[in-house]
Protein backbone atom coordinates (compact mmCIF):
# COMPACT_ATOMS: atom_id res chain seq x y z
CA MET A 1 149.68 -43.02 9.11
CA SER A 2 147.37 -45.46 10.81
CA ARG A 3 146.21 -45.47 14.41
CA HIS A 4 148.77 -48.22 15.16
CA ALA A 5 151.53 -45.63 15.25
CA LEU A 6 149.62 -43.47 17.72
CA LYS A 7 149.24 -43.75 21.45
CA HIS A 8 145.99 -43.78 23.44
CA PRO A 9 145.05 -40.64 25.35
CA SER A 10 146.14 -41.06 28.94
CA GLY A 11 144.07 -41.95 32.01
CA PHE A 12 142.93 -45.51 31.36
CA GLY A 13 144.11 -46.92 34.70
CA ALA A 14 142.32 -44.22 36.68
CA LEU A 15 139.12 -44.83 34.74
CA VAL A 16 139.18 -48.53 35.51
CA THR A 17 139.31 -47.58 39.20
CA ALA A 18 136.52 -45.04 38.66
CA LEU A 19 134.40 -47.72 37.02
CA ALA A 20 134.73 -49.99 40.06
CA MET A 21 134.03 -47.17 42.50
CA GLY A 22 131.08 -45.94 40.47
CA LEU A 23 129.44 -49.34 40.57
CA LEU A 24 129.96 -49.59 44.33
CA CYS A 25 128.50 -46.14 44.97
CA VAL A 26 125.17 -46.72 43.23
CA PRO A 27 122.39 -46.81 45.89
CA GLN A 28 121.45 -50.32 46.93
CA ALA A 29 117.80 -49.69 46.06
CA ALA A 30 118.74 -49.29 42.43
CA TRP A 31 119.94 -52.86 42.23
CA ALA A 32 117.19 -55.48 42.12
CA GLN A 33 119.57 -58.33 41.61
CA ALA A 34 122.74 -56.59 42.76
CA SER A 35 125.42 -59.13 41.98
CA SER A 36 124.23 -60.24 38.53
CA LEU A 37 123.38 -56.69 37.49
CA LYS A 38 126.80 -55.37 38.48
CA ASP A 39 128.42 -58.17 36.52
CA GLU A 40 126.28 -57.36 33.48
CA VAL A 41 127.08 -53.64 33.63
CA LYS A 42 130.79 -54.32 33.99
CA ALA A 43 130.74 -56.79 31.10
CA ARG A 44 128.81 -54.39 28.87
CA LEU A 45 131.15 -51.49 29.59
CA GLU A 46 134.12 -53.71 28.84
CA ARG A 47 132.48 -54.57 25.52
CA VAL A 48 131.98 -50.84 24.83
CA GLU A 49 135.69 -50.23 25.33
CA THR A 50 136.62 -53.28 23.27
CA ALA A 51 134.37 -52.11 20.45
CA LEU A 52 135.98 -48.66 20.50
CA ASP A 53 139.45 -50.23 20.46
CA ASP A 54 138.30 -52.41 17.54
CA TRP A 55 137.08 -49.32 15.62
CA ASP A 56 133.49 -50.55 15.88
CA VAL A 57 131.68 -47.36 16.88
CA PRO A 58 128.19 -48.65 15.96
CA GLY A 59 128.86 -51.70 18.15
CA ALA A 60 130.01 -49.48 21.01
CA ARG A 61 126.86 -47.38 20.67
CA ARG A 62 124.64 -50.47 20.79
CA GLU A 63 126.34 -51.80 23.94
CA LEU A 64 126.21 -48.40 25.57
CA SER A 65 122.49 -48.07 24.88
CA GLY A 66 122.00 -51.27 26.85
CA VAL A 67 124.02 -49.93 29.79
CA GLU A 68 122.01 -46.69 29.79
CA GLN A 69 118.92 -48.76 30.65
CA LEU A 70 120.65 -50.21 33.71
CA LEU A 71 122.52 -47.31 35.32
CA PRO A 72 121.51 -43.91 36.71
CA ALA A 73 122.47 -41.11 34.29
CA ASP A 74 124.93 -39.48 36.69
CA VAL A 75 127.27 -42.46 37.12
CA GLU A 76 130.72 -41.21 36.08
CA PRO A 77 131.95 -44.29 34.19
CA LEU A 78 128.75 -44.17 32.10
CA LYS A 79 129.36 -40.50 31.31
CA TYR A 80 132.96 -41.31 30.39
CA PHE A 81 131.99 -43.90 27.80
CA GLN A 82 129.15 -41.73 26.53
CA GLY A 83 131.74 -38.99 26.07
CA ARG A 84 134.08 -41.37 24.26
CA VAL A 85 131.34 -42.43 21.84
CA ALA A 86 130.21 -38.83 21.31
CA PHE A 87 133.79 -37.87 20.45
CA GLU A 88 134.13 -40.74 17.96
CA GLU A 89 130.83 -39.67 16.37
CA GLY A 90 131.98 -36.06 15.99
CA ARG A 91 129.58 -34.62 18.59
CA TYR A 92 132.23 -32.51 20.28
CA ASP A 93 129.94 -30.32 22.44
CA ASP A 94 128.34 -33.45 23.88
CA ALA A 95 131.74 -35.10 24.31
CA VAL A 96 133.12 -32.17 26.32
CA ALA A 97 130.06 -31.95 28.57
CA LEU A 98 129.99 -35.70 29.25
CA LEU A 99 133.73 -36.01 29.89
CA GLU A 100 133.61 -33.03 32.24
CA GLY A 101 130.69 -34.73 33.98
CA ALA A 102 132.86 -37.82 34.35
CA HIS A 103 135.50 -35.59 36.02
CA ILE A 104 138.17 -36.48 33.45
CA GLU A 105 141.26 -34.39 34.10
CA ASP A 106 141.79 -31.62 31.56
CA LYS A 107 145.44 -32.20 30.71
CA PRO A 108 147.49 -32.92 27.57
CA GLY A 109 146.76 -36.44 26.35
CA SER A 110 143.33 -36.75 27.95
CA TYR A 111 140.16 -37.31 25.97
CA LEU A 112 138.72 -34.13 27.49
CA ARG A 113 141.59 -31.99 26.22
CA LEU A 114 141.40 -33.71 22.84
CA ALA A 115 137.65 -33.05 22.59
CA LYS A 116 138.06 -29.40 23.63
CA ASP A 117 140.89 -28.74 21.18
CA THR A 118 139.11 -30.48 18.31
CA ARG A 119 135.92 -28.53 19.02
CA ALA A 120 137.81 -25.23 19.05
CA ILE A 121 139.64 -25.95 15.79
CA THR A 122 136.65 -27.27 13.83
CA ARG A 123 133.91 -25.01 15.27
CA GLU A 124 133.99 -22.50 12.41
CA HIS A 125 134.71 -25.05 9.67
CA GLU A 126 132.64 -25.15 6.53
CA ARG A 127 130.98 -28.45 5.67
CA ALA A 128 130.30 -30.30 2.42
CA GLU A 129 128.80 -33.75 1.97
CA SER A 130 128.68 -36.50 -0.61
CA GLU A 131 126.95 -39.87 -0.49
CA HIS A 132 129.41 -41.44 1.97
CA PHE A 133 131.54 -38.56 3.36
CA ILE A 134 131.36 -35.33 5.36
CA PHE A 135 134.20 -32.97 4.44
CA GLN A 136 134.93 -30.20 6.96
CA TYR A 137 137.45 -27.48 6.14
CA PRO A 138 138.56 -24.00 7.26
CA LYS A 139 136.81 -21.02 5.74
CA GLY A 140 138.73 -19.54 2.84
CA LYS A 141 140.60 -20.96 -0.10
CA GLU A 142 140.30 -24.57 1.15
CA ALA A 143 136.89 -24.43 -0.55
CA VAL A 144 138.69 -25.25 -3.81
CA LEU A 145 139.51 -28.69 -2.39
CA VAL A 146 135.89 -29.73 -1.90
CA PRO A 147 134.79 -31.17 -5.27
CA TYR A 148 138.12 -32.87 -5.91
CA ALA A 149 138.33 -34.27 -2.37
CA LEU A 150 134.83 -35.72 -2.44
CA GLU A 151 135.45 -37.16 -5.91
CA THR A 152 138.63 -38.84 -4.64
CA LEU A 153 136.95 -40.18 -1.51
CA GLU A 154 133.96 -41.61 -3.34
CA GLY A 155 136.35 -43.18 -5.85
CA ILE A 156 138.37 -44.96 -3.16
CA HIS A 157 135.15 -45.95 -1.38
CA ARG A 158 133.96 -47.75 -4.52
CA ALA A 159 137.38 -49.32 -5.06
CA MET A 160 137.69 -50.71 -1.52
CA LYS A 161 134.17 -52.10 -1.69
CA GLU A 162 135.27 -53.92 -4.83
CA ASP A 163 138.76 -54.95 -3.68
CA LEU A 164 138.30 -55.67 0.01
CA GLY A 165 134.53 -56.10 0.19
CA TRP A 166 134.08 -53.54 2.96
CA THR A 167 132.09 -50.34 3.38
CA PRO A 168 132.19 -48.54 6.75
CA PRO A 169 129.02 -49.00 8.82
CA GLY A 170 127.48 -46.30 10.94
CA GLY A 171 126.90 -43.42 8.55
CA LYS A 172 129.12 -41.02 6.66
CA ILE A 173 132.84 -40.84 7.33
CA ARG A 174 134.12 -37.49 8.59
CA VAL A 175 137.16 -35.86 7.05
CA GLU A 176 138.58 -32.87 8.91
CA VAL A 177 141.08 -30.52 7.27
CA VAL A 178 143.45 -28.68 9.62
CA SER A 179 145.52 -25.64 8.76
CA ASN A 180 148.97 -26.62 10.02
CA ALA A 181 151.08 -28.98 12.13
CA ARG A 182 150.06 -27.26 15.37
CA GLU A 183 146.40 -28.01 14.71
CA LEU A 184 147.15 -31.56 13.60
CA SER A 185 148.94 -32.08 16.89
CA LYS A 186 145.97 -30.81 18.87
CA VAL A 187 143.40 -33.04 17.14
CA SER A 188 145.62 -36.14 17.34
CA THR A 189 147.93 -37.66 19.93
CA LEU A 190 151.15 -36.63 18.18
CA THR A 191 153.37 -33.78 19.32
CA GLU A 192 154.42 -30.99 16.97
CA LYS A 193 157.99 -32.25 17.24
CA GLN A 194 156.94 -35.77 16.15
CA ILE A 195 154.97 -34.33 13.25
CA GLY A 196 157.90 -32.18 12.13
CA THR A 197 160.43 -35.00 12.49
CA THR A 198 158.39 -37.64 10.68
CA GLY A 199 156.75 -35.38 8.10
CA THR A 200 153.33 -36.67 9.17
CA ILE A 201 150.66 -34.90 7.16
CA ALA A 202 147.52 -36.95 7.83
CA ILE A 203 146.17 -39.37 10.41
CA CYS A 204 143.38 -41.92 10.52
CA LYS A 205 142.08 -42.25 14.07
CA PHE A 206 138.94 -41.69 16.16
CA ASN A 207 136.64 -42.93 13.39
CA LYS A 208 137.67 -40.15 11.00
CA LEU A 209 140.39 -38.86 8.68
CA MET A 210 142.45 -35.81 9.68
CA VAL A 211 144.50 -34.16 6.92
CA THR A 212 146.67 -31.06 6.78
CA SER A 213 145.86 -28.44 4.17
CA PRO A 214 148.31 -28.42 1.24
CA LYS A 215 148.85 -24.72 1.95
CA ALA A 216 150.91 -25.73 5.03
CA VAL A 217 153.45 -27.68 2.96
CA ALA A 218 156.43 -26.06 1.29
CA ARG A 219 155.96 -27.64 -2.13
CA GLY A 220 152.50 -29.10 -1.77
CA TYR A 221 151.98 -32.82 -1.40
CA ASP A 222 149.96 -35.61 -3.01
CA TRP A 223 146.88 -34.71 -1.00
CA GLN A 224 144.38 -36.72 -3.07
CA ASP A 225 146.40 -39.94 -2.78
CA THR A 226 146.83 -39.13 0.91
CA LEU A 227 143.06 -38.94 1.42
CA ALA A 228 142.73 -42.32 -0.27
CA HIS A 229 145.61 -43.75 1.80
CA GLU A 230 144.05 -42.73 5.11
CA TYR A 231 140.63 -44.03 4.09
CA ILE A 232 142.21 -47.42 3.36
CA HIS A 233 143.68 -47.43 6.89
CA LEU A 234 140.15 -46.85 8.20
CA VAL A 235 138.75 -49.72 6.14
CA ILE A 236 141.51 -52.13 7.18
CA SER A 237 141.17 -51.22 10.87
CA GLN A 238 137.39 -51.67 10.86
CA MET A 239 137.40 -54.77 8.70
CA SER A 240 140.04 -56.54 10.81
CA ARG A 241 138.84 -55.24 14.19
CA ASN A 242 142.16 -53.50 14.47
CA THR A 243 144.33 -56.61 14.31
CA VAL A 244 146.58 -55.80 11.33
CA PRO A 245 150.22 -55.05 12.30
CA ILE A 246 151.85 -51.87 11.07
CA TRP A 247 153.97 -53.41 8.29
CA LEU A 248 150.96 -54.99 6.63
CA HIS A 249 148.80 -51.92 7.33
CA GLU A 250 151.21 -49.59 5.57
CA GLY A 251 151.91 -52.01 2.76
CA LEU A 252 148.21 -52.42 1.99
CA ALA A 253 147.47 -48.68 2.21
CA LYS A 254 150.40 -47.69 0.02
CA PHE A 255 149.74 -50.37 -2.58
CA LEU A 256 146.02 -49.60 -2.83
CA GLU A 257 146.05 -45.80 -2.51
CA SER A 258 146.11 -45.22 -6.28
CA ARG A 259 142.91 -47.20 -6.80
CA TRP A 260 140.74 -44.04 -6.71
CA ARG A 261 142.34 -42.99 -10.00
CA GLY A 262 143.08 -46.34 -11.64
CA LYS A 263 144.81 -49.58 -10.84
CA ALA A 264 146.66 -50.45 -7.64
CA GLY A 265 150.43 -50.21 -7.27
CA LEU A 266 151.04 -46.80 -8.89
CA ALA A 267 152.28 -45.01 -5.78
CA MET A 268 155.95 -46.04 -5.67
CA THR A 269 158.19 -43.12 -6.65
CA PRO A 270 161.37 -43.56 -8.71
CA SER A 271 163.47 -42.00 -5.93
CA THR A 272 162.23 -44.57 -3.41
CA GLN A 273 162.76 -47.34 -5.95
CA ALA A 274 166.32 -46.13 -6.42
CA LEU A 275 166.89 -46.24 -2.67
CA LEU A 276 165.46 -49.75 -2.46
CA GLY A 277 167.68 -50.84 -5.35
CA LYS A 278 170.73 -49.50 -3.51
CA ARG A 279 169.78 -51.41 -0.35
CA VAL A 280 169.14 -54.62 -2.32
CA LYS A 281 172.57 -54.35 -3.94
CA ALA A 282 174.20 -53.73 -0.55
CA ASP A 283 172.18 -56.56 1.06
CA THR A 284 170.92 -54.19 3.78
CA LEU A 285 167.16 -54.66 3.61
CA ILE A 286 165.16 -54.39 6.84
CA PRO A 287 163.89 -57.78 8.15
CA PHE A 288 160.15 -57.86 8.85
CA GLU A 289 160.73 -58.61 12.54
CA LYS A 290 162.68 -55.34 12.93
CA MET A 291 159.69 -53.36 11.70
CA HIS A 292 157.85 -54.05 14.96
CA PRO A 293 156.30 -52.29 16.74
CA SER A 294 156.52 -49.42 14.27
CA ILE A 295 158.45 -48.57 11.13
CA ALA A 296 158.76 -45.03 12.47
CA LEU A 297 161.00 -46.34 15.27
CA LEU A 298 163.73 -47.58 12.93
CA PRO A 299 167.13 -45.92 13.48
CA THR A 300 167.24 -43.68 10.39
CA ALA A 301 164.89 -42.02 7.92
CA GLU A 302 166.53 -44.05 5.16
CA ASP A 303 165.79 -47.27 7.05
CA ALA A 304 162.15 -46.21 7.41
CA ALA A 305 161.85 -45.35 3.70
CA THR A 306 163.42 -48.68 2.81
CA ALA A 307 160.98 -50.55 5.05
CA PHE A 308 157.98 -48.79 3.52
CA ALA A 309 159.20 -49.75 0.05
CA GLU A 310 159.70 -53.35 1.17
CA VAL A 311 156.16 -53.71 2.53
CA PHE A 312 154.75 -52.10 -0.61
CA TYR A 313 156.39 -54.82 -2.67
CA ALA A 314 155.32 -57.50 -0.19
CA ILE A 315 151.69 -56.60 -0.91
CA ASP A 316 152.49 -56.19 -4.60
CA TYR A 317 153.79 -59.78 -4.57
CA VAL A 318 150.70 -61.11 -2.76
CA HIS A 319 148.49 -59.31 -5.27
CA SER A 320 150.46 -60.60 -8.24
CA VAL A 321 149.98 -64.20 -7.07
CA LYS A 322 146.57 -64.22 -5.36
CA GLY A 323 144.91 -60.98 -6.46
CA THR A 324 142.57 -59.09 -4.16
CA ALA A 325 141.41 -62.42 -2.73
CA GLY A 326 144.86 -62.80 -1.20
CA LEU A 327 144.64 -59.38 0.42
CA ARG A 328 141.22 -60.16 1.86
CA ALA A 329 142.42 -63.52 3.13
CA ILE A 330 145.31 -61.96 5.09
CA ILE A 331 142.95 -59.49 6.76
CA GLN A 332 140.37 -62.18 7.58
CA GLU A 333 143.01 -64.49 9.06
CA LEU A 334 144.28 -61.67 11.29
CA LYS A 335 140.72 -60.85 12.37
CA ALA A 336 140.28 -64.51 13.31
CA GLY A 337 143.25 -64.26 15.67
CA GLN A 338 146.19 -65.47 13.59
CA LYS A 339 149.61 -63.85 13.92
CA ASP A 340 150.92 -61.98 10.89
CA ARG A 341 153.20 -64.75 9.63
CA LYS A 342 150.51 -67.42 9.96
CA ALA A 343 148.01 -65.14 8.24
CA VAL A 344 150.36 -64.67 5.28
CA GLU A 345 151.05 -68.42 5.16
CA ALA A 346 147.32 -69.23 5.10
CA ALA A 347 146.59 -66.64 2.41
CA MET A 348 149.53 -67.61 0.19
CA GLY A 349 149.54 -71.36 0.79
CA MET A 350 153.28 -71.46 1.53
CA PRO A 351 155.60 -71.33 4.55
CA PHE A 352 156.60 -67.81 5.55
CA ALA A 353 160.26 -68.55 4.81
CA LEU A 354 159.32 -69.39 1.22
CA PHE A 355 157.15 -66.25 1.06
CA GLU A 356 160.14 -64.11 2.15
CA LYS A 357 162.38 -65.78 -0.42
CA SER A 358 159.81 -65.30 -3.20
CA TRP A 359 159.14 -61.70 -2.15
CA LEU A 360 162.87 -60.91 -2.25
CA ALA A 361 163.10 -62.41 -5.74
CA HIS A 362 160.09 -60.26 -6.71
CA ILE A 363 161.87 -57.12 -5.46
CA LYS A 364 165.04 -57.97 -7.38
CA LYS A 365 163.04 -58.17 -10.62
CA GLN A 366 161.97 -54.52 -10.34
CA PRO A 367 163.38 -52.01 -12.86
CA PHE A 368 165.37 -49.93 -10.40
CA PRO A 369 166.75 -46.57 -11.61
CA THR A 370 170.44 -46.88 -12.40
CA GLU A 371 171.46 -43.98 -10.16
CA LEU A 372 170.42 -42.89 -6.69
CA LEU A 373 167.96 -40.03 -7.09
CA PRO A 374 167.34 -37.25 -4.56
CA ARG A 375 164.40 -38.25 -2.36
CA GLU A 376 161.69 -35.61 -2.74
CA ASP A 377 158.73 -37.59 -1.40
CA ARG A 378 159.23 -36.41 2.19
CA VAL A 379 156.81 -33.71 3.25
CA VAL A 380 158.43 -30.45 4.42
CA LEU A 381 156.16 -28.10 6.35
CA LYS A 382 156.47 -24.40 5.56
CA GLU A 383 157.51 -23.54 9.10
CA ASN A 384 160.46 -25.92 8.67
CA ALA A 385 161.47 -24.38 5.34
CA LYS A 386 161.85 -20.70 6.21
CA GLY A 387 163.48 -18.67 3.49
CA LYS A 388 162.92 -21.38 0.88
CA VAL A 389 159.24 -20.87 0.17
CA LYS A 390 157.66 -18.11 -1.84
CA ASP A 391 154.94 -16.18 -0.09
CA ASP A 392 151.47 -17.07 -1.36
CA SER A 393 151.00 -13.51 -2.57
CA GLU A 394 154.28 -13.38 -4.52
CA LYS A 395 153.69 -13.12 -8.24
CA LYS A 396 155.15 -15.78 -10.48
CA GLY A 397 156.54 -13.39 -13.07
CA ARG A 398 159.31 -15.13 -14.94
CA GLU A 399 159.84 -17.58 -12.05
CA ILE A 400 163.47 -16.62 -11.44
CA SER A 401 165.12 -17.72 -8.20
CA PHE A 402 168.76 -18.21 -7.26
CA GLY A 403 168.02 -20.57 -4.39
CA ASP A 404 166.53 -23.37 -6.46
CA PHE A 405 169.73 -25.32 -7.08
CA GLN A 406 170.78 -26.13 -3.50
CA GLU A 407 169.76 -29.75 -4.08
CA VAL A 408 172.24 -30.12 -6.97
CA THR A 409 175.23 -31.91 -5.48
CA GLU A 410 177.30 -31.94 -8.68
CA VAL A 411 179.26 -28.68 -8.38
CA PRO A 412 179.87 -28.06 -12.13
CA ALA A 413 176.18 -28.56 -12.91
CA ARG A 414 175.17 -26.23 -10.07
CA LYS A 415 177.54 -23.54 -11.36
CA PHE A 416 176.16 -23.81 -14.90
CA ALA A 417 172.60 -23.59 -13.57
CA HIS A 418 173.37 -20.54 -11.41
CA LEU A 419 175.02 -18.81 -14.37
CA GLY A 420 171.99 -19.64 -16.49
CA GLU A 421 169.70 -18.08 -13.89
CA LEU A 422 171.85 -14.96 -13.72
CA LEU A 423 171.80 -14.58 -17.52
CA ARG A 424 168.06 -15.16 -17.71
CA GLU A 425 167.48 -12.57 -14.98
CA ARG A 426 169.38 -10.13 -17.22
CA ASN A 427 167.17 -11.09 -20.20
CA ARG A 428 170.03 -12.87 -21.98
CA VAL A 429 167.78 -15.84 -22.61
CA LYS A 430 169.69 -17.60 -25.37
CA ALA A 431 172.90 -17.53 -23.36
CA ALA A 432 170.97 -18.70 -20.31
CA ALA A 433 169.55 -21.67 -22.24
CA GLU A 434 173.06 -22.68 -23.26
CA GLU A 435 174.21 -22.73 -19.63
CA TYR A 436 171.14 -24.65 -18.50
CA ALA A 437 171.79 -27.12 -21.33
CA LYS A 438 175.30 -27.73 -19.99
CA ALA A 439 173.90 -28.40 -16.50
CA HIS A 440 171.19 -30.66 -17.88
CA GLU A 441 173.71 -32.61 -19.94
CA LEU A 442 175.67 -33.36 -16.76
CA VAL A 443 172.75 -34.43 -14.53
CA GLY A 444 170.01 -35.42 -16.98
CA ASP A 445 166.53 -35.62 -15.46
CA LYS A 446 167.82 -35.99 -11.90
CA TYR A 447 166.76 -32.55 -10.61
CA GLU A 448 163.40 -30.86 -11.12
CA SER A 449 164.96 -27.42 -10.67
CA VAL A 450 167.45 -27.83 -13.51
CA SER A 451 164.88 -29.35 -15.87
CA ASN A 452 162.24 -26.68 -15.21
CA LYS A 453 164.56 -23.70 -15.51
CA TYR A 454 165.99 -25.11 -18.74
CA ALA A 455 162.47 -25.67 -20.06
CA LEU A 456 161.38 -22.13 -19.15
CA ALA A 457 164.34 -20.69 -21.05
CA LEU A 458 163.46 -22.85 -24.05
CA LEU A 459 159.87 -21.60 -23.86
CA GLU A 460 161.07 -18.00 -23.96
CA LEU A 461 162.99 -18.91 -27.10
CA ARG A 462 159.79 -20.50 -28.53
CA ARG A 463 161.53 -23.90 -28.74
CA LEU A 464 158.41 -25.73 -27.57
CA ASP A 465 159.25 -29.23 -28.76
CA GLU A 466 162.58 -29.19 -26.94
CA ALA A 467 160.96 -27.83 -23.79
CA GLU A 468 158.33 -30.55 -23.89
CA ARG A 469 161.00 -33.26 -24.15
CA VAL A 470 162.83 -31.84 -21.13
CA LEU A 471 159.64 -31.64 -19.07
CA ARG A 472 158.48 -35.14 -19.95
CA GLY A 473 161.92 -36.49 -19.08
CA SER A 474 161.67 -34.80 -15.69
CA LEU A 475 158.21 -36.27 -15.05
CA ARG A 476 159.58 -39.74 -15.74
CA VAL A 477 161.86 -39.32 -12.73
CA HIS A 478 159.65 -36.99 -10.66
CA PRO A 479 156.04 -37.96 -11.45
CA GLY A 480 153.39 -35.65 -10.06
CA SER A 481 155.62 -32.57 -9.80
CA PRO A 482 153.21 -29.60 -9.82
CA SER A 483 155.60 -27.08 -11.39
CA THR A 484 156.66 -29.48 -14.14
CA ASN A 485 153.07 -30.38 -14.93
CA VAL A 486 152.05 -26.71 -15.03
CA HIS A 487 154.83 -25.90 -17.48
CA LEU A 488 153.91 -28.88 -19.64
CA GLY A 489 150.25 -27.90 -19.42
CA ARG A 490 151.06 -24.45 -20.81
CA ILE A 491 152.61 -25.98 -23.93
CA LEU A 492 149.68 -28.33 -24.48
CA LEU A 493 147.09 -25.61 -23.87
CA TYR A 494 148.87 -23.22 -26.22
CA ARG A 495 148.67 -25.95 -28.89
CA LYS A 496 144.95 -26.41 -28.02
CA ASP A 497 145.58 -30.07 -27.17
CA TYR A 498 142.86 -29.89 -24.52
CA PRO A 499 142.70 -33.54 -23.37
CA LYS A 500 146.44 -33.74 -22.68
CA ALA A 501 146.51 -30.25 -21.16
CA LYS A 502 143.68 -31.29 -18.86
CA THR A 503 145.69 -34.30 -17.67
CA ALA A 504 148.76 -32.16 -16.98
CA TYR A 505 146.89 -29.50 -15.02
CA LEU A 506 144.92 -32.06 -12.99
CA GLU A 507 148.21 -33.78 -12.13
CA ALA A 508 149.48 -30.42 -10.88
CA LEU A 509 146.29 -29.82 -8.90
CA ALA A 510 146.74 -33.18 -7.15
CA SER A 511 149.78 -31.67 -5.38
CA ASP A 512 149.26 -27.89 -5.49
CA PRO A 513 145.53 -27.05 -5.56
CA PHE A 514 145.98 -23.37 -4.68
CA ASP A 515 147.81 -22.26 -7.83
CA PRO A 516 145.27 -19.98 -9.61
CA GLU A 517 146.85 -20.71 -12.99
CA ILE A 518 145.68 -24.32 -12.73
CA HIS A 519 142.05 -23.37 -12.23
CA LEU A 520 142.02 -20.66 -14.90
CA ALA A 521 143.54 -23.13 -17.36
CA LEU A 522 140.97 -25.77 -16.41
CA THR A 523 138.15 -23.23 -16.85
CA ARG A 524 139.20 -22.76 -20.46
CA ILE A 525 139.97 -26.45 -21.04
CA HIS A 526 136.68 -27.78 -19.66
CA GLY A 527 134.76 -25.10 -21.52
CA SER A 528 136.48 -25.97 -24.79
CA MET A 529 135.72 -29.67 -24.25
CA GLY A 530 132.04 -29.00 -23.50
CA GLU A 531 132.38 -30.12 -19.86
CA THR A 532 129.99 -27.55 -18.44
CA ALA A 533 129.82 -28.77 -14.84
CA LEU A 534 133.59 -29.16 -14.58
CA ALA A 535 134.10 -25.71 -16.09
CA GLY A 536 131.77 -24.36 -13.41
CA ARG A 537 133.82 -25.71 -10.52
CA ALA A 538 137.05 -24.46 -12.09
CA ARG A 539 135.43 -21.04 -12.58
CA GLN A 540 134.44 -20.85 -8.90
CA ALA A 541 137.95 -21.80 -7.78
CA SER A 542 139.46 -19.22 -10.14
CA ALA A 543 137.26 -16.48 -8.73
CA LEU A 544 138.18 -17.41 -5.16
CA LEU A 545 141.93 -17.56 -5.79
CA THR A 546 142.35 -14.56 -8.13
CA GLY A 547 139.84 -12.08 -6.72
CA LEU A 548 138.18 -11.82 -10.11
CA LYS A 549 134.44 -11.50 -10.25
CA ALA A 550 132.82 -14.68 -11.50
CA GLU A 551 131.71 -13.05 -14.74
CA GLU A 552 135.28 -11.93 -15.42
CA VAL A 553 136.81 -15.37 -15.09
CA ASP A 554 135.67 -16.63 -18.50
CA ARG A 555 137.10 -13.57 -20.27
CA VAL A 556 140.45 -13.99 -18.54
CA ALA A 557 140.46 -17.74 -19.14
CA GLN A 558 139.89 -17.23 -22.86
CA GLN A 559 142.79 -14.76 -23.06
CA PHE A 560 144.95 -17.24 -21.20
CA LEU A 561 147.92 -18.46 -23.29
CA GLN A 562 146.63 -17.02 -26.53
CA ASP A 563 150.04 -15.37 -26.83
CA GLU A 564 153.38 -17.21 -26.78
CA GLY A 565 154.66 -14.70 -24.27
CA GLY A 566 152.70 -16.30 -21.48
CA LEU A 567 154.45 -19.62 -21.84
CA SER A 568 157.32 -18.70 -19.55
CA GLU A 569 155.93 -15.67 -17.69
CA MET A 570 152.60 -16.67 -16.21
CA ASN A 571 151.17 -14.29 -13.65
CA VAL A 572 147.61 -14.89 -12.55
CA SER A 573 147.74 -14.47 -8.77
CA GLY A 574 146.40 -11.43 -6.99
CA THR A 575 144.52 -10.16 -10.06
CA SER A 576 142.29 -7.20 -9.30
CA ASP A 577 138.56 -6.99 -9.99
CA THR A 578 139.08 -5.03 -13.18
CA GLU A 579 142.32 -6.34 -14.62
CA ALA A 580 143.19 -9.42 -16.58
CA PRO A 581 146.45 -11.12 -15.62
CA LYS A 582 149.49 -9.29 -16.90
CA GLU A 583 152.83 -10.63 -17.99
CA ALA A 584 156.02 -9.56 -16.32
CA ALA A 585 158.19 -7.18 -18.30
CA ARG A 586 160.44 -8.84 -20.88
CA PRO A 587 162.25 -7.81 -24.06
CA GLU A 588 160.15 -7.81 -27.19
CA LYS A 589 162.39 -10.44 -28.75
CA PRO A 590 164.79 -13.00 -27.24
CA ASP A 591 168.35 -11.77 -27.22
CA ALA A 592 171.11 -13.17 -29.37
CA GLY A 593 173.13 -14.23 -26.36
CA ASN A 594 175.67 -11.37 -26.67
């Protein structure tokens, strides 16, 4: 989400009045040329505020330095803008002291409350730095995010320098990780209710990126792509001086967010494509003019998802015709003062009506899935999914759960899947696989739950090739699924296909970085491939998440998946200092289905 969807902290009208009163109350002796000096101070302070609104913090600092030479230090409007700049620069102690000195009211929505809450939440955060970023995170298991986060951020920094020709001025960009929706609300201007309703997980505002820890989300989320997405919002806002409207902002960020890991345009999910295909067929697309002032204000969640898909393909069309030069041209035209339609016309060299017609034709050419798939790209916070989320300390065991098929709307398939789960829980694995097969035959790759439970039963029966086909079919429809990638990774690691296993486990980590199995597997994989430094970071994460001593991690990692039994019964969480991971109890041989 970009800053365009967020409101300003309150109190701007009162501060304008305070500015006027502050200038009038300065002793006459302090003004050598009273009238001209007052005009200069007022103009400079207006430029400070304009620079802050334009996301130009270095420019605001320069203008403010000039004002500091002209005004006594105790003038309240000066302290207010000094506090604003300090807040944008991450100097929260200074920001609080200055805003209090400016007598800003400490109430919800004020900059003073925002600075106080942010200081309280981030005070004990750990800190890691790379060439262009400062990554701040809560003490604890969030430490496993650090190397992957900084790698992602540096990757998108290089890509946006190449694609858009922009690198943020003014030093390293801050990234602050918060623990949950309550904290995200306190460091932003969104309410907890808005965050829960919209599924907002990250925000770009106040010259920084704010992201929620994946531990707060029921099934994890694509946190690395999200970091890249929010950084792109920062680049666009700075580059354009905050003139890009929300539909273009979101289209650009969504289209470009995959650039840290490869080419642009990889972020559209099959479920969203299926929804867009349905709306195209029904001729119920959302006109661009109805996306103003915010996509989030559209009547339904389906309308909003449709609009986001539309703007993704609008940018995809621009890129297909004009390349990155077309994207830059749109941003530069907006910065120069053009309206969005005129900016698109100038960049594309065609009337906007023709652009809309060509864009619609471009959408209709897309290979839409033939059936409407369940949308699983919406973030669900753990507090909104009570009773549906396993506790972090719960062992995986044989990964049996009777609540995993609620999403299956086809009643016969759901009944077959439930029966399969019941049989598998009773160790009647062959019979369970037959029931899962019936469910899978009815729904195909539509549901992750059906595909994964079927694959786990096949793994218990040592039918690895069949299990791999089921898992790869599921990933075609649900790319990035952490559980599916973990199960596929087990097969590939068992076969010692280290490069492909590495890909699968890293795909899982990109959504669920706190699964200890992922890091133990990567410790063994990187070690086997001679990637010493990468093995080291996986070893550290494994030690943190399992409780193993560092010297024990390598022994456990080498034992990992050396036996077929571990393929469907992985249990690596909560391991003690002296024990290797143990498998859950199971029969020595699969049953005959009797």
